[in-house]
């Protein structure tokens, strides 16, 4: 249940607006098998992070150019597949409701621009006017840079924003930015303690409240 008054909305993408689990798990499982690394360990770390961060975590001894090459190949592999990409229940309609009442909305994702654009389109989701892919953020999640920059682009103080996230790295990023943070899905982790939580966006209302708005459901 949530009941939040805010002036801007900040969304993560994978696991928050878009269910890309099948593609992500298949890609990183193949990576793990190729390099003799437990795929479950990779997936536990990779969710919410940029591909290069995961490659550097598990293949730290490779030259940087080779790490970049592997990360680019992984992103290309994920970008080539949109089969099994779906919206998180109610996400598309919720984004439309926000737009209808002129709520400032931003997408802050660890995915590169083309991958994110393809997944949003495949899931039938509108791309917000403010869109920060991995290329536009110097320090990826769990650093708060992406959310801080997105709030600035919206012209809203981070503490007056609500951020929707699903992964430990993303949640840490959103919390550090000062935004009111909502967990999407069933993650149980130290970072989720005391946070609002939703399973999906069906039944969540958006209503103007003075110069801000109220999200409730």
N, C-alpha and C. Protein backbone atom coordinates (compact mmCIF):
# COMPACT_ATOMS: atom_id res chain seq x y z
N UNK A 1 0.85 -1.19 0.00
CA UNK A 1 0.00 0.00 0.00
C UNK A 1 0.89 1.25 0.00
N UNK A 2 0.47 2.25 -0.75
CA UNK A 2 1.20 3.50 -0.77
C UNK A 2 0.23 4.68 -0.68
N UNK A 3 0.70 5.75 -0.10
CA UNK A 3 -0.02 7.02 -0.05
C UNK A 3 1.05 8.09 0.06
N UNK A 4 1.41 8.67 -1.09
CA UNK A 4 2.57 9.54 -1.18
C UNK A 4 2.20 10.83 -1.90
N UNK A 5 2.61 11.96 -1.35
CA UNK A 5 2.46 13.25 -2.03
C UNK A 5 3.84 13.64 -2.55
N UNK A 6 3.92 13.95 -3.84
CA UNK A 6 5.20 14.27 -4.46
C UNK A 6 4.97 15.22 -5.63
N UNK A 7 6.09 15.69 -6.22
CA UNK A 7 6.01 16.62 -7.35
C UNK A 7 6.66 16.07 -8.61
N UNK A 8 7.26 14.88 -8.54
CA UNK A 8 7.87 14.26 -9.70
C UNK A 8 8.00 12.77 -9.48
N UNK A 9 8.05 12.01 -10.58
CA UNK A 9 8.18 10.56 -10.50
C UNK A 9 9.42 10.11 -11.27
N UNK A 10 10.20 9.25 -10.63
CA UNK A 10 11.42 8.70 -11.22
C UNK A 10 11.28 7.19 -11.31
N UNK A 11 11.43 6.65 -12.50
CA UNK A 11 11.28 5.21 -12.71
C UNK A 11 12.60 4.57 -13.09
N UNK A 12 12.89 3.42 -12.52
CA UNK A 12 13.81 2.46 -13.10
C UNK A 12 13.05 1.77 -14.24
N UNK A 13 13.73 0.92 -15.02
CA UNK A 13 13.04 0.22 -16.11
C UNK A 13 12.90 -1.28 -15.86
N UNK A 14 13.99 -2.04 -15.99
CA UNK A 14 13.91 -3.49 -15.89
C UNK A 14 13.45 -3.91 -14.50
N UNK A 15 12.37 -4.68 -14.44
CA UNK A 15 11.83 -5.15 -13.19
C UNK A 15 10.92 -4.15 -12.51
N UNK A 16 10.88 -2.93 -13.02
CA UNK A 16 10.06 -1.87 -12.43
C UNK A 16 8.93 -1.46 -13.35
N UNK A 17 9.23 -1.20 -14.62
CA UNK A 17 8.22 -0.95 -15.65
C UNK A 17 8.13 -2.12 -16.63
N UNK A 18 9.26 -2.74 -16.90
CA UNK A 18 9.37 -3.78 -17.94
C UNK A 18 9.86 -5.08 -17.31
N UNK A 19 9.16 -6.17 -17.63
CA UNK A 19 9.60 -7.50 -17.21
C UNK A 19 10.46 -8.09 -18.33
N UNK A 20 11.78 -8.05 -18.12
CA UNK A 20 12.71 -8.57 -19.11
C UNK A 20 13.47 -9.77 -18.55
N UNK A 21 12.89 -10.41 -17.56
CA UNK A 21 13.58 -11.47 -16.82
C UNK A 21 14.11 -12.57 -17.73
N UNK A 22 13.29 -13.03 -18.67
CA UNK A 22 13.69 -14.16 -19.51
C UNK A 22 14.95 -13.84 -20.32
N UNK A 23 14.97 -12.65 -20.93
CA UNK A 23 16.11 -12.26 -21.77
C UNK A 23 17.36 -12.06 -20.91
N UNK A 24 17.21 -11.36 -19.80
CA UNK A 24 18.36 -11.06 -18.94
C UNK A 24 18.96 -12.34 -18.37
N UNK A 25 18.12 -13.22 -17.87
CA UNK A 25 18.64 -14.46 -17.28
C UNK A 25 19.33 -15.32 -18.32
N UNK A 26 18.76 -15.40 -19.53
CA UNK A 26 19.38 -16.21 -20.58
C UNK A 26 20.76 -15.66 -20.97
N UNK A 27 20.85 -14.34 -21.10
CA UNK A 27 22.11 -13.72 -21.50
C UNK A 27 23.21 -13.92 -20.46
N UNK A 28 22.90 -13.63 -19.21
CA UNK A 28 23.92 -13.73 -18.17
C UNK A 28 24.22 -15.19 -17.82
N UNK A 29 23.27 -16.09 -18.02
CA UNK A 29 23.55 -17.51 -17.80
C UNK A 29 24.57 -18.00 -18.83
N UNK A 30 24.40 -17.59 -20.09
CA UNK A 30 25.38 -17.98 -21.11
C UNK A 30 26.76 -17.40 -20.78
N UNK A 31 26.78 -16.16 -20.31
CA UNK A 31 28.05 -15.54 -19.91
C UNK A 31 28.70 -16.36 -18.80
N UNK A 32 27.92 -16.77 -17.80
CA UNK A 32 28.46 -17.54 -16.70
C UNK A 32 29.00 -18.88 -17.14
N UNK A 33 28.26 -19.58 -17.99
CA UNK A 33 28.71 -20.87 -18.49
C UNK A 33 30.00 -20.73 -19.28
N UNK A 34 30.07 -19.72 -20.12
CA UNK A 34 31.27 -19.48 -20.94
C UNK A 34 32.51 -19.26 -20.08
N UNK A 35 32.34 -18.56 -18.97
CA UNK A 35 33.51 -18.17 -18.16
C UNK A 35 33.63 -18.99 -16.86
N UNK A 36 32.82 -20.04 -16.73
CA UNK A 36 32.92 -20.90 -15.56
C UNK A 36 32.54 -20.23 -14.26
N UNK A 37 31.50 -19.38 -14.32
CA UNK A 37 31.04 -18.64 -13.14
C UNK A 37 29.58 -19.03 -12.87
N UNK A 38 29.25 -19.19 -11.61
CA UNK A 38 27.89 -19.55 -11.22
C UNK A 38 26.91 -18.47 -11.70
N UNK A 39 25.99 -18.82 -12.61
CA UNK A 39 25.04 -17.81 -13.11
C UNK A 39 24.21 -17.15 -12.02
N UNK A 40 23.86 -17.91 -10.96
CA UNK A 40 23.05 -17.33 -9.89
C UNK A 40 23.81 -16.20 -9.19
N UNK A 41 25.11 -16.37 -9.03
CA UNK A 41 25.93 -15.34 -8.41
C UNK A 41 25.98 -14.09 -9.29
N UNK A 42 26.09 -14.33 -10.59
CA UNK A 42 26.13 -13.20 -11.53
C UNK A 42 24.81 -12.43 -11.50
N UNK A 43 23.70 -13.17 -11.57
CA UNK A 43 22.39 -12.52 -11.60
C UNK A 43 22.11 -11.75 -10.31
N UNK A 44 22.56 -12.29 -9.19
CA UNK A 44 22.35 -11.60 -7.91
C UNK A 44 23.05 -10.25 -7.89
N UNK A 45 24.20 -10.17 -8.56
CA UNK A 45 24.96 -8.92 -8.59
C UNK A 45 24.49 -7.98 -9.69
N UNK A 46 24.18 -8.53 -10.87
CA UNK A 46 24.01 -7.73 -12.08
C UNK A 46 22.74 -6.90 -12.10
N UNK A 47 21.70 -7.35 -11.41
CA UNK A 47 20.40 -6.71 -11.56
C UNK A 47 20.46 -5.26 -11.10
N UNK A 48 20.10 -4.36 -12.02
CA UNK A 48 20.10 -2.93 -11.71
C UNK A 48 21.41 -2.24 -12.00
N UNK A 49 22.42 -2.99 -12.46
CA UNK A 49 23.73 -2.39 -12.71
C UNK A 49 24.03 -2.39 -14.21
N UNK A 50 24.98 -1.54 -14.61
CA UNK A 50 25.44 -1.51 -15.99
C UNK A 50 26.23 -2.78 -16.29
N UNK A 51 26.15 -3.23 -17.54
CA UNK A 51 26.82 -4.46 -17.93
C UNK A 51 28.32 -4.41 -17.65
N UNK A 52 28.94 -3.27 -17.91
CA UNK A 52 30.39 -3.17 -17.70
C UNK A 52 30.75 -3.37 -16.24
N UNK A 53 29.90 -2.91 -15.32
CA UNK A 53 30.18 -3.10 -13.90
C UNK A 53 30.19 -4.57 -13.53
N UNK A 54 29.26 -5.34 -14.13
CA UNK A 54 29.20 -6.77 -13.85
C UNK A 54 30.38 -7.51 -14.46
N UNK A 55 30.75 -7.16 -15.68
CA UNK A 55 31.91 -7.78 -16.31
C UNK A 55 33.17 -7.52 -15.50
N UNK A 56 33.33 -6.29 -15.05
CA UNK A 56 34.52 -5.96 -14.26
C UNK A 56 34.52 -6.66 -12.91
N UNK A 57 33.33 -6.90 -12.36
CA UNK A 57 33.25 -7.61 -11.07
C UNK A 57 33.68 -9.07 -11.22
N UNK A 58 33.29 -9.73 -12.30
CA UNK A 58 33.54 -11.15 -12.42
C UNK A 58 34.75 -11.51 -13.30
N UNK A 59 35.21 -10.56 -14.09
CA UNK A 59 36.42 -10.78 -14.90
C UNK A 59 37.39 -9.63 -14.65
N UNK A 60 37.82 -9.46 -13.41
CA UNK A 60 38.62 -8.28 -13.06
C UNK A 60 40.02 -8.26 -13.65
N UNK A 61 40.53 -9.43 -14.04
CA UNK A 61 41.91 -9.49 -14.52
C UNK A 61 42.06 -9.23 -16.02
N UNK A 62 40.94 -9.12 -16.73
CA UNK A 62 41.03 -8.85 -18.16
C UNK A 62 41.42 -7.41 -18.42
N UNK A 63 42.10 -7.14 -19.54
CA UNK A 63 42.36 -5.75 -19.92
C UNK A 63 41.05 -4.98 -20.08
N UNK A 64 41.11 -3.68 -19.81
CA UNK A 64 39.88 -2.88 -19.84
C UNK A 64 39.21 -2.93 -21.22
N UNK A 65 39.98 -2.89 -22.28
CA UNK A 65 39.40 -2.94 -23.62
C UNK A 65 38.63 -4.23 -23.85
N UNK A 66 39.15 -5.33 -23.30
CA UNK A 66 38.46 -6.61 -23.45
C UNK A 66 37.19 -6.64 -22.60
N UNK A 67 37.23 -6.05 -21.43
CA UNK A 67 36.02 -5.94 -20.61
C UNK A 67 34.94 -5.15 -21.34
N UNK A 68 35.34 -4.05 -21.96
CA UNK A 68 34.39 -3.23 -22.71
C UNK A 68 33.81 -4.00 -23.89
N UNK A 69 34.65 -4.78 -24.56
CA UNK A 69 34.19 -5.57 -25.71
C UNK A 69 33.15 -6.60 -25.27
N UNK A 70 33.42 -7.29 -24.17
CA UNK A 70 32.49 -8.31 -23.67
C UNK A 70 31.17 -7.66 -23.24
N UNK A 71 31.26 -6.53 -22.55
CA UNK A 71 30.04 -5.84 -22.11
C UNK A 71 29.21 -5.40 -23.31
N UNK A 72 29.86 -4.87 -24.33
CA UNK A 72 29.14 -4.43 -25.53
C UNK A 72 28.47 -5.61 -26.23
N UNK A 73 29.16 -6.76 -26.26
CA UNK A 73 28.57 -7.95 -26.88
C UNK A 73 27.35 -8.44 -26.10
N UNK A 74 27.42 -8.37 -24.79
CA UNK A 74 26.28 -8.78 -23.95
C UNK A 74 25.08 -7.85 -24.20
N UNK A 75 25.34 -6.55 -24.25
CA UNK A 75 24.26 -5.59 -24.52
C UNK A 75 23.66 -5.84 -25.90
N UNK A 76 24.51 -6.09 -26.89
CA UNK A 76 24.01 -6.37 -28.24
C UNK A 76 23.15 -7.62 -28.26
N UNK A 77 23.56 -8.63 -27.50
CA UNK A 77 22.78 -9.86 -27.42
C UNK A 77 21.41 -9.60 -26.81
N UNK A 78 21.37 -8.82 -25.74
CA UNK A 78 20.09 -8.50 -25.12
C UNK A 78 19.23 -7.64 -26.04
N UNK A 79 19.84 -6.71 -26.74
CA UNK A 79 19.10 -5.80 -27.62
C UNK A 79 18.46 -6.54 -28.78
N UNK A 80 19.07 -7.63 -29.19
CA UNK A 80 18.58 -8.38 -30.36
C UNK A 80 17.31 -9.16 -30.06
N UNK A 81 16.97 -9.30 -28.79
CA UNK A 81 15.81 -10.12 -28.42
C UNK A 81 14.79 -9.30 -27.65
N UNK A 82 13.59 -9.18 -28.21
CA UNK A 82 12.49 -8.55 -27.49
C UNK A 82 11.39 -9.57 -27.18
N UNK A 83 11.63 -10.82 -27.55
CA UNK A 83 10.65 -11.87 -27.23
C UNK A 83 10.67 -12.10 -25.73
N UNK A 84 9.49 -12.18 -25.13
CA UNK A 84 9.42 -12.37 -23.69
C UNK A 84 9.56 -11.09 -22.89
N UNK A 85 9.43 -9.93 -23.57
CA UNK A 85 9.44 -8.63 -22.89
C UNK A 85 8.00 -8.18 -22.67
N UNK A 86 7.64 -7.91 -21.43
CA UNK A 86 6.27 -7.52 -21.08
C UNK A 86 6.31 -6.34 -20.11
N UNK A 87 5.19 -5.63 -20.04
CA UNK A 87 5.08 -4.59 -19.01
C UNK A 87 4.86 -5.25 -17.66
N UNK A 88 5.34 -4.61 -16.61
CA UNK A 88 4.92 -4.96 -15.25
C UNK A 88 3.43 -4.63 -15.17
N UNK A 89 2.61 -5.50 -14.55
CA UNK A 89 1.16 -5.28 -14.57
C UNK A 89 0.74 -3.85 -14.24
N UNK A 90 0.00 -3.25 -15.18
CA UNK A 90 -0.55 -1.92 -14.99
C UNK A 90 0.40 -0.78 -15.26
N UNK A 91 1.66 -1.08 -15.66
CA UNK A 91 2.66 -0.01 -15.79
C UNK A 91 2.30 0.99 -16.88
N UNK A 92 1.91 0.50 -18.06
CA UNK A 92 1.62 1.41 -19.17
C UNK A 92 0.49 2.36 -18.82
N UNK A 93 -0.57 1.83 -18.24
CA UNK A 93 -1.71 2.66 -17.88
C UNK A 93 -1.34 3.66 -16.78
N UNK A 94 -0.49 3.24 -15.85
CA UNK A 94 -0.07 4.14 -14.78
C UNK A 94 0.75 5.31 -15.33
N UNK A 95 1.66 5.01 -16.23
CA UNK A 95 2.45 6.09 -16.86
C UNK A 95 1.53 7.05 -17.60
N UNK A 96 0.53 6.52 -18.29
CA UNK A 96 -0.42 7.39 -19.00
C UNK A 96 -1.20 8.27 -18.03
N UNK A 97 -1.57 7.71 -16.87
CA UNK A 97 -2.29 8.50 -15.87
C UNK A 97 -1.41 9.66 -15.39
N UNK A 98 -0.14 9.39 -15.18
CA UNK A 98 0.77 10.45 -14.76
C UNK A 98 0.86 11.55 -15.81
N UNK A 99 0.96 11.15 -17.06
CA UNK A 99 1.05 12.12 -18.16
C UNK A 99 -0.24 12.93 -18.24
N UNK A 100 -1.37 12.27 -18.06
CA UNK A 100 -2.67 12.94 -18.18
C UNK A 100 -2.82 14.09 -17.18
N UNK A 101 -2.25 13.93 -15.98
CA UNK A 101 -2.36 14.99 -14.98
C UNK A 101 -1.09 15.84 -14.92
N UNK A 102 -0.25 15.71 -15.96
CA UNK A 102 0.94 16.55 -16.16
C UNK A 102 1.95 16.42 -15.02
N UNK A 103 2.14 15.19 -14.56
CA UNK A 103 3.18 14.93 -13.56
C UNK A 103 4.54 14.84 -14.27
N UNK A 104 5.57 15.51 -13.79
CA UNK A 104 6.91 15.36 -14.37
C UNK A 104 7.42 13.93 -14.13
N UNK A 105 7.82 13.26 -15.21
CA UNK A 105 8.23 11.85 -15.13
C UNK A 105 9.58 11.67 -15.80
N UNK A 106 10.45 10.86 -15.20
CA UNK A 106 11.75 10.54 -15.78
C UNK A 106 12.02 9.04 -15.70
N UNK A 107 12.77 8.53 -16.66
CA UNK A 107 13.23 7.15 -16.66
C UNK A 107 14.74 7.15 -16.41
N UNK A 108 15.18 6.42 -15.39
CA UNK A 108 16.61 6.35 -15.03
C UNK A 108 17.00 4.87 -15.04
N UNK A 109 17.74 4.46 -16.06
CA UNK A 109 18.02 3.04 -16.24
C UNK A 109 19.50 2.77 -16.42
N UNK A 110 19.93 1.59 -15.98
CA UNK A 110 21.31 1.15 -16.20
C UNK A 110 21.51 0.59 -17.59
N UNK A 111 20.44 0.49 -18.36
CA UNK A 111 20.52 -0.02 -19.73
C UNK A 111 20.98 1.10 -20.67
N UNK A 112 21.70 0.74 -21.76
CA UNK A 112 22.04 1.74 -22.78
C UNK A 112 20.79 2.24 -23.50
N UNK A 113 20.95 3.35 -24.19
CA UNK A 113 19.82 4.04 -24.83
C UNK A 113 19.02 3.13 -25.78
N UNK A 114 19.70 2.47 -26.71
CA UNK A 114 18.98 1.68 -27.71
C UNK A 114 18.28 0.48 -27.07
N UNK A 115 18.94 -0.16 -26.12
CA UNK A 115 18.33 -1.30 -25.44
C UNK A 115 17.09 -0.86 -24.68
N UNK A 116 17.20 0.24 -23.94
CA UNK A 116 16.06 0.73 -23.17
C UNK A 116 14.91 1.14 -24.07
N UNK A 117 15.21 1.84 -25.17
CA UNK A 117 14.15 2.27 -26.09
C UNK A 117 13.43 1.06 -26.68
N UNK A 118 14.19 0.03 -27.05
CA UNK A 118 13.59 -1.17 -27.62
C UNK A 118 12.71 -1.90 -26.63
N UNK A 119 13.15 -2.00 -25.40
CA UNK A 119 12.36 -2.71 -24.39
C UNK A 119 11.09 -1.94 -24.02
N UNK A 120 11.19 -0.64 -23.90
CA UNK A 120 9.99 0.15 -23.59
C UNK A 120 8.97 0.00 -24.70
N UNK A 121 9.42 0.06 -25.95
CA UNK A 121 8.50 -0.09 -27.08
C UNK A 121 7.90 -1.49 -27.12
N UNK A 122 8.71 -2.51 -26.87
CA UNK A 122 8.23 -3.89 -26.91
C UNK A 122 7.18 -4.14 -25.84
N UNK A 123 7.30 -3.44 -24.71
CA UNK A 123 6.35 -3.61 -23.62
C UNK A 123 5.15 -2.68 -23.74
N UNK A 124 5.14 -1.82 -24.77
CA UNK A 124 4.01 -0.92 -24.99
C UNK A 124 3.98 0.27 -24.05
N UNK A 125 5.16 0.71 -23.62
CA UNK A 125 5.25 1.81 -22.67
C UNK A 125 5.72 3.08 -23.34
N UNK A 126 5.13 4.21 -22.95
CA UNK A 126 5.55 5.52 -23.43
C UNK A 126 6.90 5.89 -22.82
N UNK A 127 7.81 6.39 -23.63
CA UNK A 127 9.09 6.86 -23.11
C UNK A 127 8.91 8.26 -22.52
N UNK A 128 9.25 8.46 -21.25
CA UNK A 128 9.12 9.80 -20.65
C UNK A 128 10.00 10.82 -21.37
N UNK A 129 9.64 12.07 -21.25
CA UNK A 129 10.40 13.13 -21.89
C UNK A 129 11.82 13.20 -21.35
N UNK A 130 11.99 12.94 -20.06
CA UNK A 130 13.33 12.89 -19.46
C UNK A 130 13.74 11.43 -19.36
N UNK A 131 14.84 11.10 -20.03
CA UNK A 131 15.29 9.72 -20.18
C UNK A 131 16.79 9.69 -19.98
N UNK A 132 17.25 9.01 -18.92
CA UNK A 132 18.68 8.93 -18.62
C UNK A 132 19.14 7.48 -18.73
N UNK A 133 19.67 7.10 -19.89
CA UNK A 133 20.26 5.77 -20.03
C UNK A 133 21.67 5.74 -19.46
N UNK A 134 22.31 4.59 -19.54
CA UNK A 134 23.63 4.45 -18.91
C UNK A 134 24.66 5.42 -19.49
N UNK A 135 24.56 5.74 -20.79
CA UNK A 135 25.55 6.62 -21.42
C UNK A 135 25.54 8.03 -20.83
N UNK A 136 24.44 8.42 -20.23
CA UNK A 136 24.28 9.80 -19.76
C UNK A 136 24.56 9.97 -18.27
N UNK A 137 25.05 8.91 -17.62
CA UNK A 137 25.30 8.95 -16.19
C UNK A 137 26.75 8.56 -15.93
N UNK A 138 27.51 9.42 -15.28
CA UNK A 138 28.93 9.14 -15.05
C UNK A 138 29.12 7.97 -14.11
N UNK A 139 28.37 7.97 -13.02
CA UNK A 139 28.47 6.90 -12.03
C UNK A 139 27.13 6.17 -11.96
N UNK A 140 27.14 4.89 -12.34
CA UNK A 140 25.89 4.12 -12.36
C UNK A 140 25.43 3.72 -10.97
N UNK A 141 24.24 3.14 -10.90
CA UNK A 141 23.70 2.64 -9.64
C UNK A 141 24.67 1.61 -9.06
N UNK A 142 24.89 1.63 -7.75
CA UNK A 142 24.09 2.25 -6.67
C UNK A 142 24.40 3.72 -6.36
N UNK A 143 25.26 4.37 -7.15
CA UNK A 143 25.46 5.81 -6.94
C UNK A 143 24.16 6.55 -7.26
N UNK A 144 23.89 7.66 -6.60
CA UNK A 144 22.63 8.38 -6.81
C UNK A 144 22.63 9.33 -8.01
N UNK A 145 23.75 9.39 -8.75
CA UNK A 145 23.90 10.41 -9.79
C UNK A 145 22.73 10.47 -10.77
N UNK A 146 22.29 9.31 -11.25
CA UNK A 146 21.22 9.28 -12.24
C UNK A 146 19.94 9.90 -11.72
N UNK A 147 19.55 9.55 -10.51
CA UNK A 147 18.32 10.10 -9.95
C UNK A 147 18.46 11.59 -9.63
N UNK A 148 19.62 11.99 -9.17
CA UNK A 148 19.83 13.41 -8.89
C UNK A 148 19.74 14.24 -10.18
N UNK A 149 20.36 13.73 -11.24
CA UNK A 149 20.34 14.46 -12.51
C UNK A 149 18.92 14.48 -13.10
N UNK A 150 18.22 13.35 -12.98
CA UNK A 150 16.85 13.29 -13.51
C UNK A 150 15.95 14.30 -12.80
N UNK A 151 16.06 14.37 -11.48
CA UNK A 151 15.25 15.33 -10.73
C UNK A 151 15.57 16.76 -11.16
N UNK A 152 16.86 17.03 -11.37
CA UNK A 152 17.25 18.36 -11.82
C UNK A 152 16.66 18.69 -13.18
N UNK A 153 16.67 17.72 -14.09
CA UNK A 153 16.11 17.94 -15.42
C UNK A 153 14.60 18.15 -15.36
N UNK A 154 13.96 17.53 -14.38
CA UNK A 154 12.51 17.74 -14.20
C UNK A 154 12.22 19.07 -13.53
N UNK A 155 13.24 19.68 -12.92
CA UNK A 155 13.03 20.92 -12.17
C UNK A 155 12.36 20.68 -10.84
N UNK A 156 12.61 19.50 -10.26
CA UNK A 156 11.98 19.12 -8.99
C UNK A 156 13.08 18.71 -8.01
N UNK A 157 12.97 19.15 -6.77
CA UNK A 157 13.93 18.72 -5.75
C UNK A 157 13.83 17.20 -5.58
N UNK A 158 14.96 16.50 -5.46
CA UNK A 158 14.91 15.04 -5.29
C UNK A 158 14.03 14.61 -4.12
N UNK A 159 14.05 15.38 -3.04
CA UNK A 159 13.25 15.03 -1.87
C UNK A 159 11.75 15.19 -2.12
N UNK A 160 11.39 15.83 -3.24
CA UNK A 160 9.98 15.98 -3.60
C UNK A 160 9.58 14.98 -4.69
N UNK A 161 10.46 14.01 -4.97
CA UNK A 161 10.18 12.99 -5.97
C UNK A 161 9.88 11.65 -5.30
N UNK A 162 9.17 10.80 -6.03
CA UNK A 162 9.00 9.41 -5.64
C UNK A 162 9.69 8.55 -6.69
N UNK A 163 10.50 7.60 -6.25
CA UNK A 163 11.24 6.73 -7.16
C UNK A 163 10.74 5.31 -7.02
N UNK A 164 10.53 4.65 -8.16
CA UNK A 164 10.10 3.25 -8.20
C UNK A 164 11.27 2.39 -8.65
N UNK A 165 11.63 1.40 -7.83
CA UNK A 165 12.80 0.55 -8.08
C UNK A 165 12.51 -0.87 -7.63
N UNK A 166 13.35 -1.82 -8.10
CA UNK A 166 13.12 -3.22 -7.74
C UNK A 166 14.37 -3.96 -7.28
N UNK A 167 15.57 -3.42 -7.50
CA UNK A 167 16.81 -4.14 -7.25
C UNK A 167 17.63 -3.44 -6.18
N UNK A 168 18.47 -4.18 -5.44
CA UNK A 168 19.25 -3.54 -4.37
C UNK A 168 20.06 -2.34 -4.82
N UNK A 169 20.77 -2.46 -5.95
CA UNK A 169 21.60 -1.34 -6.41
C UNK A 169 20.75 -0.12 -6.73
N UNK A 170 19.62 -0.34 -7.40
CA UNK A 170 18.73 0.76 -7.76
C UNK A 170 18.07 1.39 -6.55
N UNK A 171 17.65 0.55 -5.61
CA UNK A 171 17.03 1.07 -4.40
C UNK A 171 18.02 1.91 -3.60
N UNK A 172 19.25 1.44 -3.49
CA UNK A 172 20.28 2.21 -2.79
C UNK A 172 20.50 3.55 -3.48
N UNK A 173 20.49 3.54 -4.81
CA UNK A 173 20.66 4.77 -5.58
C UNK A 173 19.52 5.75 -5.31
N UNK A 174 18.29 5.26 -5.36
CA UNK A 174 17.13 6.13 -5.15
C UNK A 174 17.09 6.69 -3.74
N UNK A 175 17.36 5.84 -2.77
CA UNK A 175 17.36 6.29 -1.37
C UNK A 175 18.43 7.37 -1.16
N UNK A 176 19.61 7.13 -1.70
CA UNK A 176 20.71 8.09 -1.53
C UNK A 176 20.40 9.44 -2.18
N UNK A 177 19.55 9.43 -3.19
CA UNK A 177 19.19 10.69 -3.86
C UNK A 177 18.27 11.55 -3.00
N UNK A 178 17.62 10.92 -2.02
CA UNK A 178 16.68 11.64 -1.17
C UNK A 178 15.23 11.47 -1.57
N UNK A 179 14.98 10.72 -2.65
CA UNK A 179 13.61 10.51 -3.11
C UNK A 179 12.88 9.53 -2.19
N UNK A 180 11.57 9.72 -2.06
CA UNK A 180 10.74 8.71 -1.42
C UNK A 180 10.75 7.48 -2.33
N UNK A 181 11.11 6.33 -1.78
CA UNK A 181 11.41 5.17 -2.62
C UNK A 181 10.39 4.06 -2.41
N UNK A 182 9.93 3.49 -3.53
CA UNK A 182 8.94 2.41 -3.51
C UNK A 182 9.55 1.16 -4.13
N UNK A 183 9.43 0.04 -3.43
CA UNK A 183 9.89 -1.25 -3.95
C UNK A 183 8.81 -1.82 -4.85
N UNK A 184 9.18 -2.19 -6.07
CA UNK A 184 8.26 -2.85 -6.98
C UNK A 184 8.62 -4.34 -6.99
N UNK A 185 7.69 -5.20 -6.55
CA UNK A 185 7.95 -6.63 -6.55
C UNK A 185 8.27 -7.15 -5.17
N UNK A 186 8.85 -8.35 -5.14
CA UNK A 186 8.97 -9.08 -3.87
C UNK A 186 10.35 -9.10 -3.25
N UNK A 187 11.26 -8.24 -3.68
CA UNK A 187 12.61 -8.26 -3.11
C UNK A 187 12.56 -8.05 -1.60
N UNK A 188 13.26 -8.94 -0.88
CA UNK A 188 13.46 -8.77 0.55
C UNK A 188 14.96 -8.62 0.78
N UNK A 189 15.36 -7.47 1.29
CA UNK A 189 16.78 -7.16 1.44
C UNK A 189 16.89 -6.09 2.53
N UNK A 190 18.08 -5.95 3.08
CA UNK A 190 18.27 -4.91 4.10
C UNK A 190 17.84 -3.55 3.58
N UNK A 191 18.07 -3.29 2.30
CA UNK A 191 17.78 -1.98 1.74
C UNK A 191 16.28 -1.72 1.61
N UNK A 192 15.45 -2.77 1.66
CA UNK A 192 14.00 -2.58 1.51
C UNK A 192 13.30 -2.28 2.83
N UNK A 193 14.02 -2.38 3.93
CA UNK A 193 13.38 -2.20 5.24
C UNK A 193 12.73 -0.83 5.36
N UNK A 194 11.44 -0.84 5.72
CA UNK A 194 10.71 0.39 5.96
C UNK A 194 10.22 1.13 4.73
N UNK A 195 10.45 0.57 3.53
CA UNK A 195 10.03 1.24 2.30
C UNK A 195 8.60 0.87 1.92
N UNK A 196 7.95 1.77 1.19
CA UNK A 196 6.67 1.42 0.56
C UNK A 196 6.91 0.29 -0.43
N UNK A 197 5.85 -0.50 -0.70
CA UNK A 197 6.00 -1.62 -1.62
C UNK A 197 4.71 -1.82 -2.42
N UNK A 198 4.87 -2.15 -3.72
CA UNK A 198 3.75 -2.54 -4.56
C UNK A 198 4.15 -3.76 -5.38
N UNK A 199 3.15 -4.56 -5.79
CA UNK A 199 3.40 -5.70 -6.67
C UNK A 199 3.27 -5.30 -8.14
N UNK A 200 2.46 -4.27 -8.39
CA UNK A 200 2.23 -3.77 -9.74
C UNK A 200 1.46 -2.47 -9.61
N UNK A 201 1.01 -1.94 -10.75
CA UNK A 201 0.42 -0.60 -10.74
C UNK A 201 -1.10 -0.59 -10.91
N UNK A 202 -1.71 -1.75 -11.03
CA UNK A 202 -3.16 -1.80 -11.15
C UNK A 202 -3.80 -1.23 -9.88
N UNK A 203 -4.78 -0.36 -10.07
CA UNK A 203 -5.52 0.20 -8.95
C UNK A 203 -4.85 1.38 -8.26
N UNK A 204 -3.69 1.80 -8.73
CA UNK A 204 -3.02 2.95 -8.12
C UNK A 204 -3.54 4.23 -8.77
N UNK A 205 -3.99 5.16 -7.97
CA UNK A 205 -4.57 6.40 -8.47
C UNK A 205 -3.57 7.54 -8.38
N UNK A 206 -3.79 8.55 -9.23
CA UNK A 206 -2.96 9.76 -9.24
C UNK A 206 -3.90 10.95 -9.25
N UNK A 207 -3.81 11.81 -8.24
CA UNK A 207 -4.71 12.96 -8.14
C UNK A 207 -3.92 14.21 -7.79
N UNK A 208 -4.25 15.34 -8.41
CA UNK A 208 -3.60 16.60 -8.04
C UNK A 208 -3.82 16.91 -6.56
N UNK A 209 -2.80 17.46 -5.93
CA UNK A 209 -2.90 17.88 -4.52
C UNK A 209 -2.14 19.19 -4.38
N UNK A 210 -2.86 20.31 -4.52
CA UNK A 210 -2.21 21.61 -4.51
C UNK A 210 -1.29 21.72 -5.73
N UNK A 211 -0.02 22.05 -5.49
CA UNK A 211 0.94 22.14 -6.58
C UNK A 211 1.65 20.80 -6.82
N UNK A 212 1.27 19.79 -6.05
CA UNK A 212 1.87 18.47 -6.18
C UNK A 212 0.77 17.47 -6.60
N UNK A 213 0.96 16.22 -6.29
CA UNK A 213 -0.03 15.20 -6.60
C UNK A 213 0.09 14.09 -5.57
N UNK A 214 -0.96 13.29 -5.46
CA UNK A 214 -0.99 12.19 -4.51
C UNK A 214 -1.10 10.88 -5.27
N UNK A 215 -0.22 9.94 -4.96
CA UNK A 215 -0.27 8.59 -5.50
C UNK A 215 -0.75 7.69 -4.38
N UNK A 216 -1.81 6.94 -4.68
CA UNK A 216 -2.41 6.14 -3.61
C UNK A 216 -2.92 4.83 -4.17
N UNK A 217 -2.75 3.77 -3.42
CA UNK A 217 -3.28 2.49 -3.87
C UNK A 217 -2.78 1.34 -3.03
